[in-house]
Amino acid sequence: MPKIIENPKQLILDEAKKILYSEGYSKLSMRNISKACGIALGTIYNYYPTKHDLVIGMMSDYWNENMNKLERLEGLDCSFYEKLDKLFAELSGFIRTFKDEWLNPGFYDQPDYVRRGTKEEILYVDKLACLIEGIIDKELKAGRIKSRVPSREAARFIMMNFVTIIQMPAFEYPAFKKILKEIIF
């Protein structure tokens, strides 16, 4: 009698994440995931036809898990810049987790994967920029900060720089924060 798995798609994602975190991207294969899940290889392919699909699914799942944590930052009793520090740390963890995949030339061989991955990335960045905008608006209304630019522009500026700083270590977060304090004070 076949074994019934309550949520096979989530099991696949969970086991794939464990392999990625503990053994690295090179060990992330459909066969290894199948073995870790205790389900047939064909079942894995039913949910994720390719490794690219799986990685996009992992990125989406990881982001959705952490978005709740990020949204709670808005209500924390700490300064605006402490909230930004926490947001930066979370985004940094996300990007570093999937950096190997994003920098893998094979990931960009097929335009469909690039479009789907880029679409997801744009949604994540936009959602986080909206969260930052909400934090700025709340802090402005409470009189805890002042800004030389509209909150929407400031939020997009912050996001653009967060991503740049994480991807290019030559730029440093403390220097960005010092400059930002001239804009939002």
C-alpha atoms as a PDB file:
ATOM      1  CA  MET A   1       0.000   0.000   0.000  1.00  0.00           C
ATOM      2  CA  PRO A   2       1.488   3.392  -0.985  1.00  0.00           C
ATOM      3  CA  LYS A   3       2.391   5.685   1.840  1.00  0.00           C
ATOM      4  CA  ILE A   4       0.291   8.836   2.082  1.00  0.00           C
ATOM      5  CA  ILE A   5       2.218  12.038   2.605  1.00  0.00           C
ATOM      6  CA  GLU A   6       0.114  14.921   3.833  1.00  0.00           C
ATOM      7  CA  ASN A   7       1.955  17.758   2.059  1.00  0.00           C
ATOM      8  CA  PRO A   8       4.551  16.283  -0.317  1.00  0.00           C
ATOM      9  CA  LYS A   9       5.404  19.617  -1.933  1.00  0.00           C
ATOM     10  CA  GLN A  10       6.348  21.142   1.430  1.00  0.00           C
ATOM     11  CA  LEU A  11       8.253  17.987   2.428  1.00  0.00           C
ATOM     12  CA  ILE A  12      10.281  18.255  -0.784  1.00  0.00           C
ATOM     13  CA  LEU A  13      11.061  21.928  -0.109  1.00  0.00           C
ATOM     14  CA  ASP A  14      11.977  21.262   3.524  1.00  0.00           C
ATOM     15  CA  GLU A  15      14.334  18.408   2.669  1.00  0.00           C
ATOM     16  CA  ALA A  16      15.863  20.376  -0.219  1.00  0.00           C
ATOM     17  CA  LYS A  17      16.585  23.260   2.168  1.00  0.00           C
ATOM     18  CA  LYS A  18      18.226  20.900   4.659  1.00  0.00           C
ATOM     19  CA  ILE A  19      20.492  19.546   1.928  1.00  0.00           C
ATOM     20  CA  LEU A  20      21.316  23.032   0.640  1.00  0.00           C
ATOM     21  CA  TYR A  21      22.163  24.355   4.119  1.00  0.00           C
ATOM     22  CA  SER A  22      24.101  21.346   5.363  1.00  0.00           C
ATOM     23  CA  GLU A  23      25.796  20.012   2.225  1.00  0.00           C
ATOM     24  CA  GLY A  24      25.739  22.878  -0.253  1.00  0.00           C
ATOM     25  CA  TYR A  25      24.328  23.464  -3.690  1.00  0.00           C
ATOM     26  CA  SER A  26      26.469  20.791  -5.368  1.00  0.00           C
ATOM     27  CA  LYS A  27      24.698  18.062  -3.336  1.00  0.00           C
ATOM     28  CA  LEU A  28      21.235  19.410  -4.101  1.00  0.00           C
ATOM     29  CA  SER A  29      19.980  16.853  -6.603  1.00  0.00           C
ATOM     30  CA  MET A  30      16.541  15.420  -7.254  1.00  0.00           C
ATOM     31  CA  ARG A  31      17.867  11.959  -6.377  1.00  0.00           C
ATOM     32  CA  ASN A  32      19.254  13.129  -3.001  1.00  0.00           C
ATOM     33  CA  ILE A  33      16.009  14.920  -2.221  1.00  0.00           C
ATOM     34  CA  SER A  34      14.004  11.820  -3.145  1.00  0.00           C
ATOM     35  CA  LYS A  35      16.105   9.718  -0.784  1.00  0.00           C
ATOM     36  CA  ALA A  36      15.824  12.282   2.033  1.00  0.00           C
ATOM     37  CA  CYS A  37      12.030  12.488   1.623  1.00  0.00           C
ATOM     38  CA  GLY A  38      11.562   8.754   1.301  1.00  0.00           C
ATOM     39  CA  ILE A  39       9.439   9.240  -1.820  1.00  0.00           C
ATOM     40  CA  ALA A  40       9.871   8.181  -5.428  1.00  0.00           C
ATOM     41  CA  LEU A  41      12.024  10.263  -7.740  1.00  0.00           C
ATOM     42  CA  GLY A  42       9.086  10.567 -10.155  1.00  0.00           C
ATOM     43  CA  THR A  43       7.025  12.205  -7.424  1.00  0.00           C
ATOM     44  CA  ILE A  44       9.699  14.878  -7.011  1.00  0.00           C
ATOM     45  CA  TYR A  45       9.544  15.576 -10.756  1.00  0.00           C
ATOM     46  CA  ASN A  46       5.738  15.830 -10.604  1.00  0.00           C
ATOM     47  CA  TYR A  47       6.092  18.853  -8.338  1.00  0.00           C
ATOM     48  CA  TYR A  48       9.386  20.250  -9.639  1.00  0.00           C
ATOM     49  CA  PRO A  49      10.215  19.222 -13.226  1.00  0.00           C
ATOM     50  CA  THR A  50      13.744  20.684 -12.978  1.00  0.00           C
ATOM     51  CA  LYS A  51      16.279  21.745 -10.393  1.00  0.00           C
ATOM     52  CA  HIS A  52      15.646  25.343 -11.496  1.00  0.00           C
ATOM     53  CA  ASP A  53      11.946  24.975 -10.658  1.00  0.00           C
ATOM     54  CA  LEU A  54      12.883  23.551  -7.282  1.00  0.00           C
ATOM     55  CA  VAL A  55      15.272  26.403  -6.487  1.00  0.00           C
ATOM     56  CA  ILE A  56      12.666  29.002  -7.483  1.00  0.00           C
ATOM     57  CA  GLY A  57      10.186  27.152  -5.248  1.00  0.00           C
ATOM     58  CA  MET A  58      12.727  27.147  -2.395  1.00  0.00           C
ATOM     59  CA  MET A  59      13.388  30.865  -2.822  1.00  0.00           C
ATOM     60  CA  SER A  60       9.651  31.618  -2.768  1.00  0.00           C
ATOM     61  CA  ASP A  61       9.072  29.407   0.253  1.00  0.00           C
ATOM     62  CA  TYR A  62      12.038  30.882   2.118  1.00  0.00           C
ATOM     63  CA  TRP A  63      10.903  34.418   1.343  1.00  0.00           C
ATOM     64  CA  ASN A  64       7.308  33.766   2.395  1.00  0.00           C
ATOM     65  CA  GLU A  65       8.492  32.262   5.696  1.00  0.00           C
ATOM     66  CA  ASN A  66      10.606  35.292   6.453  1.00  0.00           C
ATOM     67  CA  MET A  67       8.175  37.959   5.269  1.00  0.00           C
ATOM     68  CA  ASN A  68       6.075  37.472   8.415  1.00  0.00           C
ATOM     69  CA  LYS A  69       9.182  38.001  10.520  1.00  0.00           C
ATOM     70  CA  LEU A  70      10.029  41.123   8.546  1.00  0.00           C
ATOM     71  CA  GLU A  71       6.499  42.501   8.858  1.00  0.00           C
ATOM     72  CA  ARG A  72       6.720  42.185  12.643  1.00  0.00           C
ATOM     73  CA  LEU A  73       9.697  44.562  12.604  1.00  0.00           C
ATOM     74  CA  GLU A  74       7.299  47.385  11.817  1.00  0.00           C
ATOM     75  CA  GLY A  75       5.787  47.087  15.300  1.00  0.00           C
ATOM     76  CA  LEU A  76       9.040  46.703  17.256  1.00  0.00           C
ATOM     77  CA  ASP A  77       9.812  49.222  19.937  1.00  0.00           C
ATOM     78  CA  CYS A  78      13.167  50.329  18.582  1.00  0.00           C
ATOM     79  CA  SER A  79      14.569  53.132  16.477  1.00  0.00           C
ATOM     80  CA  PHE A  80      14.073  53.479  12.744  1.00  0.00           C
ATOM     81  CA  TYR A  81      17.716  52.598  12.120  1.00  0.00           C
ATOM     82  CA  GLU A  82      17.568  49.535  14.373  1.00  0.00           C
ATOM     83  CA  LYS A  83      14.627  48.320  12.271  1.00  0.00           C
ATOM     84  CA  LEU A  84      16.635  48.950   9.090  1.00  0.00           C
ATOM     85  CA  ASP A  85      19.577  47.018  10.570  1.00  0.00           C
ATOM     86  CA  LYS A  86      17.292  44.027  11.164  1.00  0.00           C
ATOM     87  CA  LEU A  87      15.780  44.279   7.674  1.00  0.00           C
ATOM     88  CA  PHE A  88      19.249  44.443   6.151  1.00  0.00           C
ATOM     89  CA  ALA A  89      20.362  41.371   8.103  1.00  0.00           C
ATOM     90  CA  GLU A  90      17.319  39.358   6.961  1.00  0.00           C
ATOM     91  CA  LEU A  91      17.692  40.383   3.322  1.00  0.00           C
ATOM     92  CA  SER A  92      21.394  39.657   3.496  1.00  0.00           C
ATOM     93  CA  GLY A  93      20.689  36.141   4.771  1.00  0.00           C
ATOM     94  CA  PHE A  94      18.188  35.531   1.981  1.00  0.00           C
ATOM     95  CA  ILE A  95      20.512  36.710  -0.791  1.00  0.00           C
ATOM     96  CA  ARG A  96      23.515  34.836   0.578  1.00  0.00           C
ATOM     97  CA  THR A  97      21.492  31.636   0.887  1.00  0.00           C
ATOM     98  CA  PHE A  98      20.690  31.642  -2.819  1.00  0.00           C
ATOM     99  CA  LYS A  99      23.729  33.510  -4.146  1.00  0.00           C
ATOM    100  CA  ASP A 100      25.366  30.355  -5.539  1.00  0.00           C
ATOM    101  CA  GLU A 101      22.289  29.575  -7.595  1.00  0.00           C
ATOM    102  CA  TRP A 102      21.874  33.131  -8.857  1.00  0.00           C
ATOM    103  CA  LEU A 103      25.520  33.247  -9.918  1.00  0.00           C
ATOM    104  CA  ASN A 104      25.388  29.832 -11.580  1.00  0.00           C
ATOM    105  CA  PRO A 105      25.573  30.424 -15.364  1.00  0.00           C
ATOM    106  CA  GLY A 106      23.408  27.338 -15.983  1.00  0.00           C
ATOM    107  CA  PHE A 107      20.532  29.074 -14.234  1.00  0.00           C
ATOM    108  CA  TYR A 108      20.439  31.645 -17.024  1.00  0.00           C
ATOM    109  CA  ASP A 109      20.600  29.215 -19.967  1.00  0.00           C
ATOM    110  CA  GLN A 110      16.851  29.156 -20.456  1.00  0.00           C
ATOM    111  CA  PRO A 111      14.996  32.471 -20.785  1.00  0.00           C
ATOM    112  CA  ASP A 112      11.848  31.060 -19.124  1.00  0.00           C
ATOM    113  CA  TYR A 113      13.729  30.410 -15.890  1.00  0.00           C
ATOM    114  CA  VAL A 114      15.248  33.886 -15.956  1.00  0.00           C
ATOM    115  CA  ARG A 115      11.813  35.471 -16.502  1.00  0.00           C
ATOM    116  CA  ARG A 116      10.211  33.452 -13.704  1.00  0.00           C
ATOM    117  CA  GLY A 117      13.091  34.031 -11.308  1.00  0.00           C
ATOM    118  CA  THR A 118      13.242  37.736 -12.128  1.00  0.00           C
ATOM    119  CA  LYS A 119       9.471  38.052 -11.707  1.00  0.00           C
ATOM    120  CA  GLU A 120       9.695  36.493  -8.230  1.00  0.00           C
ATOM    121  CA  GLU A 121      12.659  38.670  -7.311  1.00  0.00           C
ATOM    122  CA  ILE A 122      10.828  41.848  -8.371  1.00  0.00           C
ATOM    123  CA  LEU A 123       7.827  40.844  -6.251  1.00  0.00           C
ATOM    124  CA  TYR A 124      10.048  40.261  -3.197  1.00  0.00           C
ATOM    125  CA  VAL A 125      11.953  43.512  -3.596  1.00  0.00           C
ATOM    126  CA  ASP A 126       8.735  45.452  -4.140  1.00  0.00           C
ATOM    127  CA  LYS A 127       7.086  43.875  -1.108  1.00  0.00           C
ATOM    128  CA  LEU A 128      10.070  44.711   1.075  1.00  0.00           C
ATOM    129  CA  ALA A 129      10.231  48.269  -0.312  1.00  0.00           C
ATOM    130  CA  CYS A 130       6.533  48.680   0.596  1.00  0.00           C
ATOM    131  CA  LEU A 131       7.319  47.420   4.103  1.00  0.00           C
ATOM    132  CA  ILE A 132      10.141  49.962   4.448  1.00  0.00           C
ATOM    133  CA  GLU A 133       7.841  52.684   3.136  1.00  0.00           C
ATOM    134  CA  GLY A 134       5.289  51.739   5.794  1.00  0.00           C
ATOM    135  CA  ILE A 135       7.927  51.922   8.505  1.00  0.00           C
ATOM    136  CA  ILE A 136       9.058  55.341   7.261  1.00  0.00           C
ATOM    137  CA  ASP A 137       5.466  56.619   7.146  1.00  0.00           C
ATOM    138  CA  LYS A 138       4.769  55.374  10.665  1.00  0.00           C
ATOM    139  CA  GLU A 139       7.959  56.933  12.030  1.00  0.00           C
ATOM    140  CA  LEU A 140       7.221  60.235  10.226  1.00  0.00           C
ATOM    141  CA  LYS A 141       3.689  60.378  11.629  1.00  0.00           C
ATOM    142  CA  ALA A 142       4.980  59.693  15.135  1.00  0.00           C
ATOM    143  CA  GLY A 143       7.528  62.488  14.719  1.00  0.00           C
ATOM    144  CA  ARG A 144      10.488  60.193  15.426  1.00  0.00           C
ATOM    145  CA  ILE A 145      12.145  60.935  12.080  1.00  0.00           C
ATOM    146  CA  LYS A 146      12.154  63.606   9.380  1.00  0.00           C
ATOM    147  CA  SER A 147      12.892  63.004   5.725  1.00  0.00           C
ATOM    148  CA  ARG A 148      14.171  65.191   2.931  1.00  0.00           C
ATOM    149  CA  VAL A 149      12.483  62.943   0.330  1.00  0.00           C
ATOM    150  CA  PRO A 150       9.060  61.276   0.037  1.00  0.00           C
ATOM    151  CA  SER A 151       8.815  57.941   1.846  1.00  0.00           C
ATOM    152  CA  ARG A 152       8.267  55.957  -1.371  1.00  0.00           C
ATOM    153  CA  GLU A 153      11.464  57.312  -2.946  1.00  0.00           C
ATOM    154  CA  ALA A 154      13.369  56.785   0.292  1.00  0.00           C
ATOM    155  CA  ALA A 155      12.168  53.174   0.557  1.00  0.00           C
ATOM    156  CA  ARG A 156      13.214  52.375  -3.025  1.00  0.00           C
ATOM    157  CA  PHE A 157      16.572  54.067  -2.444  1.00  0.00           C
ATOM    158  CA  ILE A 158      17.121  51.991   0.685  1.00  0.00           C
ATOM    159  CA  MET A 159      16.190  48.729  -1.074  1.00  0.00           C
ATOM    160  CA  MET A 160      18.425  49.454  -4.069  1.00  0.00           C
ATOM    161  CA  ASN A 161      21.342  50.119  -1.768  1.00  0.00           C
ATOM    162  CA  PHE A 162      20.641  47.101   0.448  1.00  0.00           C
ATOM    163  CA  VAL A 163      20.836  44.792  -2.566  1.00  0.00           C
ATOM    164  CA  THR A 164      23.949  46.524  -3.930  1.00  0.00           C
ATOM    165  CA  ILE A 165      25.763  46.379  -0.599  1.00  0.00           C
ATOM    166  CA  ILE A 166      24.984  42.686  -0.134  1.00  0.00           C
ATOM    167  CA  GLN A 167      26.089  41.748  -3.636  1.00  0.00           C
ATOM    168  CA  MET A 168      29.151  44.002  -3.762  1.00  0.00           C
ATOM    169  CA  PRO A 169      31.233  43.820  -0.572  1.00  0.00           C
ATOM    170  CA  ALA A 170      33.238  46.913  -1.624  1.00  0.00           C
ATOM    171  CA  PHE A 171      30.241  48.975  -0.488  1.00  0.00           C
ATOM    172  CA  GLU A 172      29.701  48.916   3.244  1.00  0.00           C
ATOM    173  CA  TYR A 173      26.476  49.160   5.199  1.00  0.00           C
ATOM    174  CA  PRO A 174      27.816  51.568   7.886  1.00  0.00           C
ATOM    175  CA  ALA A 175      28.849  54.066   5.181  1.00  0.00           C
ATOM    176  CA  PHE A 176      25.415  53.818   3.554  1.00  0.00           C
ATOM    177  CA  LYS A 177      23.733  54.306   6.930  1.00  0.00           C
ATOM    178  CA  LYS A 178      25.823  57.424   7.566  1.00  0.00           C
ATOM    179  CA  ILE A 179      24.729  58.907   4.225  1.00  0.00           C
ATOM    180  CA  LEU A 180      21.113  57.870   4.787  1.00  0.00           C
ATOM    181  CA  LYS A 181      21.097  59.739   8.093  1.00  0.00           C
ATOM    182  CA  GLU A 182      21.594  62.913   6.054  1.00  0.00           C
ATOM    183  CA  ILE A 183      18.383  62.152   4.161  1.00  0.00           C
ATOM    184  CA  ILE A 184      16.292  60.619   6.954  1.00  0.00           C
ATOM    185  CA  PHE A 185      17.121  62.079  10.350  1.00  0.00           C
END
